[in-house]
Amino acid sequence: MHHPINGQELSTRFRNGEVLNLLDVREEIEYHTFNIGGCNIPLSKLTRNLSRISYNKTDEIIVMCKAGLRSETARTILLENGYLNVRNLSGGLMALQKLK
């Protein structure tokens, strides 16, 4: 079942001090320009670099990109590789930035 997370929920959870498992699938230059933390593995390299993901396959993992499209593809790749609780940041980081 797919339960995306929206910017408002993510922002609230951050404010509450929750430690979240974040996976940013934008290209490295995008990540270094602006990010909210987490592991950065570009979508183009994700399949070859699954071993770099330090989160457990049962943990909630929030995948994100600029607008939510690449991260949705990444979510599918992770599910196909045995990750059970992967949520896409709907609207991507742009949606999160609009809240500020």
Protein backbone atom coordinates (compact mmCIF):
# COMPACT_ATOMS: atom_id res chain seq x y z
CA MET A 1 0.00 0.00 0.00
CA HIS A 2 1.32 3.42 -0.93
CA HIS A 3 1.18 6.22 1.65
CA PRO A 4 3.13 9.21 0.40
CA ILE A 5 4.23 11.81 2.92
CA ASN A 6 3.51 15.47 2.28
CA GLY A 7 5.68 18.44 3.12
CA GLN A 8 3.50 19.45 6.05
CA GLU A 9 3.73 16.06 7.76
CA LEU A 10 7.49 15.88 7.17
CA SER A 11 7.98 19.40 8.51
CA THR A 12 5.93 18.60 11.63
CA ARG A 13 7.89 15.43 12.29
CA PHE A 14 11.18 17.36 11.97
CA ARG A 15 9.93 20.00 14.40
CA ASN A 16 8.99 17.26 16.85
CA GLY A 17 12.61 16.13 16.82
CA GLU A 18 11.98 12.83 15.10
CA VAL A 19 15.00 11.17 13.54
CA LEU A 20 13.96 10.22 10.01
CA ASN A 21 15.54 7.91 7.45
CA LEU A 22 15.91 10.15 4.41
CA LEU A 23 17.10 9.15 0.96
CA ASP A 24 17.66 12.01 -1.49
CA VAL A 25 17.82 10.70 -5.08
CA ARG A 26 18.73 13.96 -6.80
CA GLU A 27 22.07 14.40 -8.54
CA GLU A 28 24.99 15.30 -6.28
CA ILE A 29 25.15 18.92 -7.50
CA GLU A 30 21.47 19.39 -6.60
CA TYR A 31 22.02 17.82 -3.19
CA HIS A 32 24.99 20.06 -2.41
CA THR A 33 23.09 23.17 -3.51
CA PHE A 34 20.20 22.49 -1.08
CA ASN A 35 19.31 19.50 1.09
CA ILE A 36 17.60 18.59 4.35
CA GLY A 37 20.07 15.84 5.19
CA GLY A 38 19.88 12.12 4.70
CA CYS A 39 21.71 9.82 2.36
CA ASN A 40 22.29 11.05 -1.23
CA ILE A 41 22.28 8.38 -3.92
CA PRO A 42 21.25 9.75 -7.34
CA LEU A 43 18.45 7.79 -8.99
CA SER A 44 20.72 7.03 -11.97
CA LYS A 45 23.09 5.17 -9.60
CA LEU A 46 20.57 3.74 -7.13
CA THR A 47 20.27 0.17 -8.44
CA ARG A 48 24.08 -0.29 -8.39
CA ASN A 49 24.43 1.33 -4.97
CA LEU A 50 21.70 -0.27 -2.86
CA SER A 51 24.42 -1.50 -0.50
CA ARG A 52 25.14 2.14 0.43
CA ILE A 53 21.71 2.42 2.07
CA SER A 54 22.35 1.96 5.77
CA TYR A 55 18.69 1.76 6.78
CA ASN A 56 17.03 -1.57 7.60
CA LYS A 57 14.60 -2.97 5.06
CA THR A 58 11.80 -2.78 7.63
CA ASP A 59 12.47 0.86 8.60
CA GLU A 60 10.38 3.70 7.26
CA ILE A 61 12.45 5.36 4.54
CA ILE A 62 11.39 8.67 3.03
CA VAL A 63 12.63 9.15 -0.52
CA MET A 64 12.77 12.61 -2.03
CA CYS A 65 13.83 14.57 -5.07
CA LYS A 66 13.02 18.02 -6.45
CA ALA A 67 9.39 17.43 -7.46
CA GLY A 68 8.55 13.87 -6.43
CA LEU A 69 8.92 12.07 -9.76
CA ARG A 70 12.42 10.58 -9.49
CA SER A 71 11.74 9.63 -5.89
CA GLU A 72 8.61 7.74 -6.91
CA THR A 73 10.76 5.70 -9.31
CA ALA A 74 13.29 5.17 -6.50
CA ARG A 75 10.47 4.02 -4.19
CA THR A 76 9.54 1.34 -6.73
CA ILE A 77 13.18 0.19 -7.03
CA LEU A 78 13.48 -0.11 -3.25
CA LEU A 79 10.22 -2.04 -2.96
CA GLU A 80 11.40 -4.42 -5.68
CA ASN A 81 14.56 -4.97 -3.62
CA GLY A 82 12.82 -5.94 -0.40
CA TYR A 83 12.39 -2.60 1.37
CA LEU A 84 8.98 -2.72 3.02
CA ASN A 85 8.12 0.78 4.23
CA VAL A 86 9.18 3.34 1.61
CA ARG A 87 7.33 6.66 1.38
CA ASN A 88 7.66 9.26 -1.34
CA LEU A 89 7.76 12.96 -0.42
CA SER A 90 4.85 14.12 -2.58
CA GLY A 91 5.68 17.32 -4.42
CA GLY A 92 9.31 16.83 -3.52
CA LEU A 93 11.57 19.34 -1.85
CA MET A 94 9.80 22.15 -3.74
CA ALA A 95 6.64 21.41 -1.73
CA LEU A 96 8.64 21.49 1.49
CA GLN A 97 10.29 24.81 0.58
CA LYS A 98 6.90 26.40 -0.13
CA LEU A 99 5.92 25.89 3.52
CA LYS A 100 8.62 28.28 4.77
